[in-house]
Structures are given as structure tokens and as C-alpha cells.
PDB file of N, CA and C in Angstrom:
ATOM      1  N   UNK A   1      89.520 -31.421-113.099  1.00  0.00           N
ATOM      2  CA  UNK A   1      88.282 -31.969-113.554  1.00  0.00           C
ATOM      3  C   UNK A   1      87.168 -30.944-113.370  1.00  0.00           C
ATOM      4  N   UNK A   2      86.295 -30.986-114.296  1.00  0.00           N
ATOM      5  CA  UNK A   2      85.163 -30.068-114.235  1.00  0.00           C
ATOM      6  C   UNK A   2      84.015 -30.742-113.496  1.00  0.00           C
ATOM      7  N   UNK A   3      83.278 -29.937-112.743  1.00  0.00           N
ATOM      8  CA  UNK A   3      82.124 -30.479-112.033  1.00  0.00           C
ATOM      9  C   UNK A   3      80.853 -30.092-112.773  1.00  0.00           C
ATOM     10  N   UNK A   4      79.847 -30.884-112.599  1.00  0.00           N
ATOM     11  CA  UNK A   4      78.577 -30.579-113.237  1.00  0.00           C
ATOM     12  C   UNK A   4      77.716 -29.760-112.302  1.00  0.00           C
ATOM     13  N   UNK A   5      76.994 -28.821-112.914  1.00  0.00           N
ATOM     14  CA  UNK A   5      76.051 -28.015-112.138  1.00  0.00           C
ATOM     15  C   UNK A   5      74.649 -28.532-112.365  1.00  0.00           C
ATOM     16  N   UNK A   6      73.832 -28.422-111.362  1.00  0.00           N
ATOM     17  CA  UNK A   6      72.438 -28.799-111.483  1.00  0.00           C
ATOM     18  C   UNK A   6      71.670 -27.551-111.935  1.00  0.00           C
ATOM     19  N   UNK A   7      71.390 -27.457-113.218  1.00  0.00           N
ATOM     20  CA  UNK A   7      70.804 -26.265-113.815  1.00  0.00           C
ATOM     21  C   UNK A   7      69.353 -26.089-113.413  1.00  0.00           C
ATOM     22  N   UNK A   8      68.655 -27.108-113.073  1.00  0.00           N
ATOM     23  CA  UNK A   8      67.232 -26.990-112.759  1.00  0.00           C
ATOM     24  C   UNK A   8      66.987 -26.222-111.470  1.00  0.00           C
ATOM     25  N   UNK A   9      67.940 -26.234-110.538  1.00  0.00           N
ATOM     26  CA  UNK A   9      67.744 -25.538-109.267  1.00  0.00           C
ATOM     27  C   UNK A   9      68.124 -24.065-109.340  1.00  0.00           C
ATOM     28  N   UNK A  10      68.976 -23.711-110.263  1.00  0.00           N
ATOM     29  CA  UNK A  10      69.398 -22.319-110.371  1.00  0.00           C
ATOM     30  C   UNK A  10      68.348 -21.505-111.110  1.00  0.00           C
ATOM     31  N   UNK A  11      68.221 -20.248-110.701  1.00  0.00           N
ATOM     32  CA  UNK A  11      67.271 -19.367-111.367  1.00  0.00           C
ATOM     33  C   UNK A  11      68.041 -18.319-112.151  1.00  0.00           C
ATOM     34  N   UNK A  12      67.551 -18.041-113.304  1.00  0.00           N
ATOM     35  CA  UNK A  12      68.169 -16.972-114.082  1.00  0.00           C
ATOM     36  C   UNK A  12      67.709 -15.626-113.541  1.00  0.00           C
ATOM     37  N   UNK A  13      68.352 -14.572-113.997  1.00  0.00           N
ATOM     38  CA  UNK A  13      67.970 -13.242-113.517  1.00  0.00           C
ATOM     39  C   UNK A  13      66.557 -12.881-113.954  1.00  0.00           C
ATOM     40  N   UNK A  14      66.092 -13.412-115.075  1.00  0.00           N
ATOM     41  CA  UNK A  14      64.727 -13.143-115.510  1.00  0.00           C
ATOM     42  C   UNK A  14      63.713 -13.770-114.566  1.00  0.00           C
ATOM     43  N   UNK A  15      63.984 -14.969-114.110  1.00  0.00           N
ATOM     44  CA  UNK A  15      63.078 -15.623-113.172  1.00  0.00           C
ATOM     45  C   UNK A  15      63.077 -14.901-111.836  1.00  0.00           C
ATOM     46  N   UNK A  16      64.206 -14.406-111.417  1.00  0.00           N
ATOM     47  CA  UNK A  16      64.286 -13.682-110.161  1.00  0.00           C
ATOM     48  C   UNK A  16      63.511 -12.375-110.233  1.00  0.00           C
ATOM     49  N   UNK A  17      63.525 -11.710-111.390  1.00  0.00           N
ATOM     50  CA  UNK A  17      62.785 -10.459-111.531  1.00  0.00           C
ATOM     51  C   UNK A  17      61.286 -10.702-111.524  1.00  0.00           C
ATOM     52  N   UNK A  18      60.845 -11.839-112.008  1.00  0.00           N
ATOM     53  CA  UNK A  18      59.421 -12.158-111.984  1.00  0.00           C
ATOM     54  C   UNK A  18      58.912 -12.295-110.557  1.00  0.00           C
ATOM     55  N   UNK A  19      59.744 -12.755-109.658  1.00  0.00           N
ATOM     56  CA  UNK A  19      59.346 -12.940-108.269  1.00  0.00           C
ATOM     57  C   UNK A  19      59.455 -11.664-107.454  1.00  0.00           C
ATOM     58  N   UNK A  20      60.138 -10.647-107.952  1.00  0.00           N
ATOM     59  CA  UNK A  20      60.383  -9.420-107.200  1.00  0.00           C
ATOM     60  C   UNK A  20      59.107  -8.690-106.803  1.00  0.00           C
ATOM     61  N   UNK A  21      58.126  -8.440-107.692  1.00  0.00           N
ATOM     62  CA  UNK A  21      56.930  -7.725-107.258  1.00  0.00           C
ATOM     63  C   UNK A  21      56.139  -8.462-106.190  1.00  0.00           C
ATOM     64  N   UNK A  22      56.131  -9.773-106.225  1.00  0.00           N
ATOM     65  CA  UNK A  22      55.391 -10.507-105.208  1.00  0.00           C
ATOM     66  C   UNK A  22      56.053 -10.365-103.842  1.00  0.00           C
ATOM     67  N   UNK A  23      57.353 -10.184-103.796  1.00  0.00           N
ATOM     68  CA  UNK A  23      58.054 -10.014-102.527  1.00  0.00           C
ATOM     69  C   UNK A  23      57.852  -8.607-101.959  1.00  0.00           C
ATOM     70  N   UNK A  24      57.765  -7.602-102.835  1.00  0.00           N
ATOM     71  CA  UNK A  24      57.642  -6.221-102.382  1.00  0.00           C
ATOM     72  C   UNK A  24      56.209  -5.824-102.062  1.00  0.00           C
ATOM     73  N   UNK A  25      55.251  -6.512-102.567  1.00  0.00           N
ATOM     74  CA  UNK A  25      53.860  -6.161-102.342  1.00  0.00           C
ATOM     75  C   UNK A  25      53.337  -5.314-103.486  1.00  0.00           C
ATOM     76  N   UNK A  26      52.331  -4.518-103.189  1.00  0.00           N
ATOM     77  CA  UNK A  26      51.682  -3.716-104.214  1.00  0.00           C
ATOM     78  C   UNK A  26      52.558  -2.523-104.584  1.00  0.00           C
ATOM     79  N   UNK A  27      52.680  -2.242-105.876  1.00  0.00           N
ATOM     80  CA  UNK A  27      53.528  -1.136-106.319  1.00  0.00           C
ATOM     81  C   UNK A  27      52.751   0.177-106.282  1.00  0.00           C
ATOM     82  N   UNK A  28      53.476   1.268-106.103  1.00  0.00           N
ATOM     83  CA  UNK A  28      52.895   2.594-106.045  1.00  0.00           C
ATOM     84  C   UNK A  28      52.992   3.215-107.431  1.00  0.00           C
ATOM     85  N   UNK A  29      51.845   3.455-108.058  1.00  0.00           N
ATOM     86  CA  UNK A  29      51.849   3.999-109.417  1.00  0.00           C
ATOM     87  C   UNK A  29      51.336   5.433-109.462  1.00  0.00           C
ATOM     88  N   UNK A  30      51.296   6.121-108.334  1.00  0.00           N
ATOM     89  CA  UNK A  30      50.849   7.511-108.330  1.00  0.00           C
ATOM     90  C   UNK A  30      51.893   8.373-109.017  1.00  0.00           C
ATOM     91  N   UNK A  31      51.446   9.412-109.729  1.00  0.00           N
ATOM     92  CA  UNK A  31      52.419  10.264-110.430  1.00  0.00           C
ATOM     93  C   UNK A  31      53.260  11.066-109.447  1.00  0.00           C
ATOM     94  N   UNK A  32      54.473  11.364-109.868  1.00  0.00           N
ATOM     95  CA  UNK A  32      55.392  12.106-109.007  1.00  0.00           C
ATOM     96  C   UNK A  32      55.001  13.576-108.925  1.00  0.00           C
ATOM     97  N   UNK A  33      54.338  14.075-109.961  1.00  0.00           N
ATOM     98  CA  UNK A  33      53.942  15.476-110.012  1.00  0.00           C
ATOM     99  C   UNK A  33      52.418  15.537-109.967  1.00  0.00           C
ATOM    100  N   UNK A  34      51.847  16.398-109.108  1.00  0.00           N
ATOM    101  CA  UNK A  34      50.382  16.499-109.036  1.00  0.00           C
ATOM    102  C   UNK A  34      49.776  17.013-110.338  1.00  0.00           C
ATOM    103  N   UNK A  35      48.526  16.663-110.539  1.00  0.00           N
ATOM    104  CA  UNK A  35      47.805  17.030-111.755  1.00  0.00           C
ATOM    105  C   UNK A  35      47.713  18.546-111.908  1.00  0.00           C
ATOM    106  N   UNK A  36      47.511  19.259-110.817  1.00  0.00           N
ATOM    107  CA  UNK A  36      47.374  20.716-110.866  1.00  0.00           C
ATOM    108  C   UNK A  36      48.642  21.377-111.395  1.00  0.00           C
ATOM    109  N   UNK A  37      49.779  20.842-111.026  1.00  0.00           N
ATOM    110  CA  UNK A  37      51.059  21.402-111.468  1.00  0.00           C
ATOM    111  C   UNK A  37      51.233  21.204-112.972  1.00  0.00           C
ATOM    112  N   UNK A  38      50.851  20.049-113.470  1.00  0.00           N
ATOM    113  CA  UNK A  38      50.975  19.778-114.900  1.00  0.00           C
ATOM    114  C   UNK A  38      50.032  20.678-115.690  1.00  0.00           C
ATOM    115  N   UNK A  39      48.810  20.860-115.203  1.00  0.00           N
ATOM    116  CA  UNK A  39      47.852  21.735-115.883  1.00  0.00           C
ATOM    117  C   UNK A  39      48.367  23.167-115.903  1.00  0.00           C
ATOM    118  N   UNK A  40      48.908  23.613-114.777  1.00  0.00           N
ATOM    119  CA  UNK A  40      49.450  24.973-114.700  1.00  0.00           C
ATOM    120  C   UNK A  40      50.614  25.164-115.672  1.00  0.00           C
ATOM    121  N   UNK A  41      51.473  24.171-115.757  1.00  0.00           N
ATOM    122  CA  UNK A  41      52.599  24.246-116.686  1.00  0.00           C
ATOM    123  C   UNK A  41      52.118  24.288-118.130  1.00  0.00           C
ATOM    124  N   UNK A  42      51.124  23.486-118.467  1.00  0.00           N
ATOM    125  CA  UNK A  42      50.586  23.493-119.823  1.00  0.00           C
ATOM    126  C   UNK A  42      49.922  24.822-120.166  1.00  0.00           C
ATOM    127  N   UNK A  43      49.203  25.413-119.219  1.00  0.00           N
ATOM    128  CA  UNK A  43      48.574  26.711-119.466  1.00  0.00           C
ATOM    129  C   UNK A  43      49.610  27.803-119.690  1.00  0.00           C
ATOM    130  N   UNK A  44      50.639  27.816-118.882  1.00  0.00           N
ATOM    131  CA  UNK A  44      51.679  28.830-119.070  1.00  0.00           C
ATOM    132  C   UNK A  44      52.481  28.578-120.344  1.00  0.00           C
ATOM    133  N   UNK A  45      52.640  27.321-120.731  1.00  0.00           N
ATOM    134  CA  UNK A  45      53.302  27.022-122.002  1.00  0.00           C
ATOM    135  C   UNK A  45      52.475  27.547-123.164  1.00  0.00           C
ATOM    136  N   UNK A  46      51.176  27.325-123.113  1.00  0.00           N
ATOM    137  CA  UNK A  46      50.282  27.841-124.140  1.00  0.00           C
ATOM    138  C   UNK A  46      50.331  29.368-124.179  1.00  0.00           C
ATOM    139  N   UNK A  47      50.315  29.999-122.999  1.00  0.00           N
ATOM    140  CA  UNK A  47      50.386  31.465-122.935  1.00  0.00           C
ATOM    141  C   UNK A  47      51.723  31.975-123.454  1.00  0.00           C
ATOM    142  N   UNK A  48      52.789  31.246-123.204  1.00  0.00           N
ATOM    143  CA  UNK A  48      54.114  31.662-123.661  1.00  0.00           C
ATOM    144  C   UNK A  48      54.228  31.595-125.178  1.00  0.00           C
ATOM    145  N   UNK A  49      53.453  30.742-125.793  1.00  0.00           N
ATOM    146  CA  UNK A  49      53.472  30.646-127.258  1.00  0.00           C
ATOM    147  C   UNK A  49      52.511  31.659-127.885  1.00  0.00           C
ATOM    148  N   UNK A  50      51.288  31.709-127.380  1.00  0.00           N
ATOM    149  CA  UNK A  50      50.232  32.488-128.024  1.00  0.00           C
ATOM    150  C   UNK A  50      50.337  33.987-127.736  1.00  0.00           C
ATOM    151  N   UNK A  51      50.583  34.353-126.495  1.00  0.00           N
ATOM    152  CA  UNK A  51      50.556  35.778-126.128  1.00  0.00           C
ATOM    153  C   UNK A  51      51.615  36.624-126.847  1.00  0.00           C
ATOM    154  N   UNK A  52      52.884  36.241-126.878  1.00  0.00           N
ATOM    155  CA  UNK A  52      53.852  37.077-127.596  1.00  0.00           C
ATOM    156  C   UNK A  52      53.593  37.142-129.107  1.00  0.00           C
ATOM    157  N   UNK A  53      53.257  36.011-129.709  1.00  0.00           N
ATOM    158  CA  UNK A  53      52.997  36.022-131.150  1.00  0.00           C
ATOM    159  C   UNK A  53      51.745  36.835-131.452  1.00  0.00           C
ATOM    160  N   UNK A  54      50.717  36.653-130.647  1.00  0.00           N
ATOM    161  CA  UNK A  54      49.491  37.423-130.829  1.00  0.00           C
ATOM    162  C   UNK A  54      49.712  38.910-130.631  1.00  0.00           C
ATOM    163  N   UNK A  55      50.488  39.269-129.611  1.00  0.00           N
ATOM    164  CA  UNK A  55      50.747  40.695-129.377  1.00  0.00           C
ATOM    165  C   UNK A  55      51.566  41.304-130.513  1.00  0.00           C
ATOM    166  N   UNK A  56      52.462  40.538-131.092  1.00  0.00           N
ATOM    167  CA  UNK A  56      53.232  41.037-132.224  1.00  0.00           C
ATOM    168  C   UNK A  56      52.313  41.371-133.396  1.00  0.00           C
ATOM    169  N   UNK A  57      51.490  40.403-133.772  1.00  0.00           N
ATOM    170  CA  UNK A  57      50.641  40.614-134.939  1.00  0.00           C
ATOM    171  C   UNK A  57      49.525  41.628-134.680  1.00  0.00           C
ATOM    172  N   UNK A  58      49.095  41.770-133.446  1.00  0.00           N
ATOM    173  CA  UNK A  58      48.091  42.788-133.137  1.00  0.00           C
ATOM    174  C   UNK A  58      48.673  44.197-133.159  1.00  0.00           C
ATOM    175  N   UNK A  59      49.925  44.341-132.762  1.00  0.00           N
ATOM    176  CA  UNK A  59      50.501  45.681-132.658  1.00  0.00           C
ATOM    177  C   UNK A  59      51.274  46.123-133.885  1.00  0.00           C
ATOM    178  N   UNK A  60      51.727  45.217-134.727  1.00  0.00           N
ATOM    179  CA  UNK A  60      52.584  45.595-135.841  1.00  0.00           C
ATOM    180  C   UNK A  60      51.856  46.547-136.797  1.00  0.00           C
ATOM    181  N   UNK A  61      50.594  46.314-137.080  1.00  0.00           N
ATOM    182  CA  UNK A  61      49.864  47.193-138.001  1.00  0.00           C
ATOM    183  C   UNK A  61      48.899  48.123-137.291  1.00  0.00           C
ATOM    184  N   UNK A  62      48.346  47.700-136.177  1.00  0.00           N
ATOM    185  CA  UNK A  62      47.327  48.502-135.502  1.00  0.00           C
ATOM    186  C   UNK A  62      47.921  49.614-134.644  1.00  0.00           C
ATOM    187  N   UNK A  63      48.988  49.338-133.947  1.00  0.00           N
ATOM    188  CA  UNK A  63      49.529  50.312-132.993  1.00  0.00           C
ATOM    189  C   UNK A  63      50.777  51.004-133.515  1.00  0.00           C
ATOM    190  N   UNK A  64      51.643  50.277-134.189  1.00  0.00           N
ATOM    191  CA  UNK A  64      52.933  50.827-134.590  1.00  0.00           C
ATOM    192  C   UNK A  64      53.050  51.094-136.088  1.00  0.00           C
ATOM    193  N   UNK A  65      51.999  51.008-136.850  1.00  0.00           N
ATOM    194  CA  UNK A  65      51.945  51.334-138.282  1.00  0.00           C
ATOM    195  C   UNK A  65      53.036  50.626-139.097  1.00  0.00           C
ATOM    196  N   UNK A  66      53.191  49.348-138.888  1.00  0.00           N
ATOM    197  CA  UNK A  66      54.123  48.572-139.677  1.00  0.00           C
ATOM    198  C   UNK A  66      55.540  48.513-139.137  1.00  0.00           C
ATOM    199  N   UNK A  67      55.846  49.159-138.040  1.00  0.00           N
ATOM    200  CA  UNK A  67      57.187  49.126-137.465  1.00  0.00           C
ATOM    201  C   UNK A  67      57.348  47.813-136.686  1.00  0.00           C
ATOM    202  N   UNK A  68      58.067  46.870-137.295  1.00  0.00           N
ATOM    203  CA  UNK A  68      58.192  45.554-136.677  1.00  0.00           C
ATOM    204  C   UNK A  68      59.152  45.554-135.489  1.00  0.00           C
ATOM    205  N   UNK A  69      60.021  46.558-135.393  1.00  0.00           N
ATOM    206  CA  UNK A  69      60.938  46.618-134.250  1.00  0.00           C
ATOM    207  C   UNK A  69      60.177  46.859-132.958  1.00  0.00           C
ATOM    208  N   UNK A  70      59.262  47.822-132.978  1.00  0.00           N
ATOM    209  CA  UNK A  70      58.463  48.106-131.778  1.00  0.00           C
ATOM    210  C   UNK A  70      57.512  46.950-131.456  1.00  0.00           C
ATOM    211  N   UNK A  71      56.956  46.332-132.506  1.00  0.00           N
ATOM    212  CA  UNK A  71      56.065  45.193-132.286  1.00  0.00           C
ATOM    213  C   UNK A  71      56.844  44.010-131.695  1.00  0.00           C
ATOM    214  N   UNK A  72      58.076  43.799-132.162  1.00  0.00           N
ATOM    215  CA  UNK A  72      58.913  42.740-131.600  1.00  0.00           C
ATOM    216  C   UNK A  72      59.274  43.012-130.154  1.00  0.00           C
ATOM    217  N   UNK A  73      59.550  44.282-129.841  1.00  0.00           N
ATOM    218  CA  UNK A  73      59.846  44.646-128.451  1.00  0.00           C
ATOM    219  C   UNK A  73      58.625  44.417-127.566  1.00  0.00           C
ATOM    220  N   UNK A  74      57.445  44.717-128.095  1.00  0.00           N
ATOM    221  CA  UNK A  74      56.220  44.464-127.341  1.00  0.00           C
ATOM    222  C   UNK A  74      56.031  42.969-127.098  1.00  0.00           C
ATOM    223  N   UNK A  75      56.300  42.165-128.125  1.00  0.00           N
ATOM    224  CA  UNK A  75      56.187  40.709-127.968  1.00  0.00           C
ATOM    225  C   UNK A  75      57.183  40.192-126.932  1.00  0.00           C
ATOM    226  N   UNK A  76      58.394  40.727-126.922  1.00  0.00           N
ATOM    227  CA  UNK A  76      59.393  40.321-125.924  1.00  0.00           C
ATOM    228  C   UNK A  76      58.946  40.716-124.519  1.00  0.00           C
ATOM    229  N   UNK A  77      58.353  41.898-124.396  1.00  0.00           N
ATOM    230  CA  UNK A  77      57.858  42.343-123.088  1.00  0.00           C
ATOM    231  C   UNK A  77      56.725  41.440-122.614  1.00  0.00           C
ATOM    232  N   UNK A  78      55.836  41.059-123.513  1.00  0.00           N
ATOM    233  CA  UNK A  78      54.736  40.165-123.147  1.00  0.00           C
ATOM    234  C   UNK A  78      55.275  38.792-122.736  1.00  0.00           C
ATOM    235  N   UNK A  79      56.284  38.304-123.427  1.00  0.00           N
ATOM    236  CA  UNK A  79      56.887  37.020-123.049  1.00  0.00           C
ATOM    237  C   UNK A  79      57.496  37.102-121.649  1.00  0.00           C
ATOM    238  N   UNK A  80      58.132  38.216-121.343  1.00  0.00           N
ATOM    239  CA  UNK A  80      58.698  38.397-120.002  1.00  0.00           C
ATOM    240  C   UNK A  80      57.611  38.478-118.943  1.00  0.00           C
ATOM    241  N   UNK A  81      56.495  39.095-119.268  1.00  0.00           N
ATOM    242  CA  UNK A  81      55.379  39.177-118.315  1.00  0.00           C
ATOM    243  C   UNK A  81      54.831  37.778-118.033  1.00  0.00           C
ATOM    244  N   UNK A  82      54.683  36.960-119.070  1.00  0.00           N
ATOM    245  CA  UNK A  82      54.196  35.584-118.877  1.00  0.00           C
ATOM    246  C   UNK A  82      55.193  34.789-118.038  1.00  0.00           C
ATOM    247  N   UNK A  83      56.473  34.950-118.305  1.00  0.00           N
ATOM    248  CA  UNK A  83      57.500  34.232-117.548  1.00  0.00           C
ATOM    249  C   UNK A  83      57.507  34.652-116.079  1.00  0.00           C
ATOM    250  N   UNK A  84      57.434  35.941-115.828  1.00  0.00           N
ATOM    251  CA  UNK A  84      57.394  36.428-114.446  1.00  0.00           C
ATOM    252  C   UNK A  84      56.135  35.941-113.751  1.00  0.00           C
ATOM    253  N   UNK A  85      55.013  35.909-114.481  1.00  0.00           N
ATOM    254  CA  UNK A  85      53.775  35.375-113.904  1.00  0.00           C
ATOM    255  C   UNK A  85      53.922  33.924-113.494  1.00  0.00           C
ATOM    256  N   UNK A  86      54.595  33.134-114.303  1.00  0.00           N
ATOM    257  CA  UNK A  86      54.814  31.724-113.958  1.00  0.00           C
ATOM    258  C   UNK A  86      55.683  31.587-112.713  1.00  0.00           C
ATOM    259  N   UNK A  87      56.726  32.388-112.632  1.00  0.00           N
ATOM    260  CA  UNK A  87      57.613  32.322-111.468  1.00  0.00           C
ATOM    261  C   UNK A  87      56.860  32.709-110.197  1.00  0.00           C
ATOM    262  N   UNK A  88      56.032  33.734-110.276  1.00  0.00           N
ATOM    263  CA  UNK A  88      55.262  34.184-109.101  1.00  0.00           C
ATOM    264  C   UNK A  88      54.276  33.105-108.665  1.00  0.00           C
ATOM    265  N   UNK A  89      53.574  32.509-109.616  1.00  0.00           N
ATOM    266  CA  UNK A  89      52.618  31.450-109.277  1.00  0.00           C
ATOM    267  C   UNK A  89      53.330  30.246-108.670  1.00  0.00           C
ATOM    268  N   UNK A  90      54.472  29.882-109.217  1.00  0.00           N
ATOM    269  CA  UNK A  90      55.237  28.756-108.670  1.00  0.00           C
ATOM    270  C   UNK A  90      55.738  29.072-107.262  1.00  0.00           C
ATOM    271  N   UNK A  91      56.133  30.317-107.028  1.00  0.00           N
ATOM    272  CA  UNK A  91      56.592  30.720-105.699  1.00  0.00           C
ATOM    273  C   UNK A  91      55.453  30.645-104.693  1.00  0.00           C
ATOM    274  N   UNK A  92      54.262  31.117-105.077  1.00  0.00           N
ATOM    275  CA  UNK A  92      53.107  31.034-104.181  1.00  0.00           C
ATOM    276  C   UNK A  92      52.753  29.589-103.866  1.00  0.00           C
ATOM    277  N   UNK A  93      52.830  28.728-104.869  1.00  0.00           N
ATOM    278  CA  UNK A  93      52.518  27.320-104.655  1.00  0.00           C
ATOM    279  C   UNK A  93      53.523  26.684-103.698  1.00  0.00           C
ATOM    280  N   UNK A  94      54.790  27.039-103.835  1.00  0.00           N
ATOM    281  CA  UNK A  94      55.819  26.503-102.956  1.00  0.00           C
ATOM    282  C   UNK A  94      55.592  26.971-101.528  1.00  0.00           C
ATOM    283  N   UNK A  95      55.196  28.230-101.358  1.00  0.00           N
ATOM    284  CA  UNK A  95      54.915  28.731-100.008  1.00  0.00           C
ATOM    285  C   UNK A  95      53.727  28.016 -99.395  1.00  0.00           C
ATOM    286  N   UNK A  96      52.695  27.761-100.192  1.00  0.00           N
ATOM    287  CA  UNK A  96      51.516  27.055 -99.682  1.00  0.00           C
ATOM    288  C   UNK A  96      51.881  25.645 -99.247  1.00  0.00           C
ATOM    289  N   UNK A  97      52.728  24.982-100.009  1.00  0.00           N
ATOM    290  CA  UNK A  97      53.178  23.637 -99.624  1.00  0.00           C
ATOM    291  C   UNK A  97      53.990  23.675 -98.339  1.00  0.00           C
ATOM    292  N   UNK A  98      54.812  24.693 -98.187  1.00  0.00           N
ATOM    293  CA  UNK A  98      55.642  24.813 -96.986  1.00  0.00           C
ATOM    294  C   UNK A  98      54.774  25.064 -95.754  1.00  0.00           C
ATOM    295  N   UNK A  99      53.763  25.933 -95.876  1.00  0.00           N
ATOM    296  CA  UNK A  99      52.871  26.222 -94.752  1.00  0.00           C
ATOM    297  C   UNK A  99      52.087  24.971 -94.373  1.00  0.00           C
ATOM    298  N   UNK A 100      51.640  24.229 -95.360  1.00  0.00           N
ATOM    299  CA  UNK A 100      50.900  22.995 -95.094  1.00  0.00           C
ATOM    300  C   UNK A 100      51.779  21.969 -94.387  1.00  0.00           C
ATOM    301  N   UNK A 101      53.039  21.873 -94.783  1.00  0.00           N
ATOM    302  CA  UNK A 101      53.958  20.939 -94.130  1.00  0.00           C
ATOM    303  C   UNK A 101      54.216  21.358 -92.677  1.00  0.00           C
ATOM    304  N   UNK A 102      54.304  22.647 -92.429  1.00  0.00           N
ATOM    305  CA  UNK A 102      54.510  23.124 -91.052  1.00  0.00           C
ATOM    306  C   UNK A 102      53.296  22.817 -90.186  1.00  0.00           C
ATOM    307  N   UNK A 103      52.094  22.957 -90.740  1.00  0.00           N
ATOM    308  CA  UNK A 103      50.883  22.624 -89.982  1.00  0.00           C
ATOM    309  C   UNK A 103      50.840  21.139 -89.640  1.00  0.00           C
ATOM    310  N   UNK A 104      51.230  20.294 -90.593  1.00  0.00           N
ATOM    311  CA  UNK A 104      51.274  18.855 -90.333  1.00  0.00           C
ATOM    312  C   UNK A 104      52.304  18.514 -89.267  1.00  0.00           C
ATOM    313  N   UNK A 105      53.412  19.237 -89.273  1.00  0.00           N
ATOM    314  CA  UNK A 105      54.451  18.980 -88.273  1.00  0.00           C
ATOM    315  C   UNK A 105      53.951  19.382 -86.879  1.00  0.00           C
ATOM    316  N   UNK A 106      53.207  20.475 -86.796  1.00  0.00           N
ATOM    317  CA  UNK A 106      52.665  20.907 -85.498  1.00  0.00           C
ATOM    318  C   UNK A 106      51.613  19.921 -84.992  1.00  0.00           C
ATOM    319  N   UNK A 107      50.818  19.355 -85.898  1.00  0.00           N
ATOM    320  CA  UNK A 107      49.790  18.398 -85.482  1.00  0.00           C
ATOM    321  C   UNK A 107      50.409  17.116 -84.952  1.00  0.00           C
ATOM    322  N   UNK A 108      51.537  16.735 -85.515  1.00  0.00           N
ATOM    323  CA  UNK A 108      52.152  15.477 -85.094  1.00  0.00           C
ATOM    324  C   UNK A 108      52.882  15.590 -83.764  1.00  0.00           C
ATOM    325  N   UNK A 109      53.110  16.793 -83.293  1.00  0.00           N
ATOM    326  CA  UNK A 109      53.793  16.963 -81.994  1.00  0.00           C
ATOM    327  C   UNK A 109      52.929  16.678 -80.827  1.00  0.00           C
TER     328      UNK A 109
END
């Protein structure tokens, strides 16, 4: 024989999810990545696009008299300089974060 269930007392998963935020309290909506990091990434992205293309078109006729091979090599070198600059800046930022964390650890002792 089948038994009857009292459906009014059971909650569906949708009803349970509605109650979840009230049980956990206020949610944290701060971004995972700081604003400065995003701005820095956008600036280097812009530089990675503009600098090599600009250097190509500036050097192809002005410096290399129409030789696109040398102008392309110059653009590749400029792209590498921008990339190395980004890596160096990111490394400095990581070191600054590490030093700050060490200072906080010393204060808490």
C-alpha cells in the first residue's frame, strides 16, 4: 500500500534556497581582484596593442625606407619590452604584498 505524504510541510529546493541568505547573514560582494590591478592590466593591454602597431607604422617608412621586415622586427621587440615591463611591475607588486603581509604577521605577535 502506498502512503500519503503531507506536501504542505515539505519544502522544495527553491524554497530552501530562498532561506539560505537569511541564515548566512550579509553577503560579501567585494571584488576578488583590487581595482588597481585591473587598471594596470587594462593599461598594459592597451600598450600591448598600440605600441607595437604604432612602432611598426612609424618605422616602416621613416626609419627603414619601406623595409617591412625590419619594421616588423622592431614591432616584435617593442611587444617584448611591454611584456617584460608587465612582468616586472607584477613582480614588484607581489613583493610589496609579501612585505606587507610579513609586517602584519609581526604586529600580531
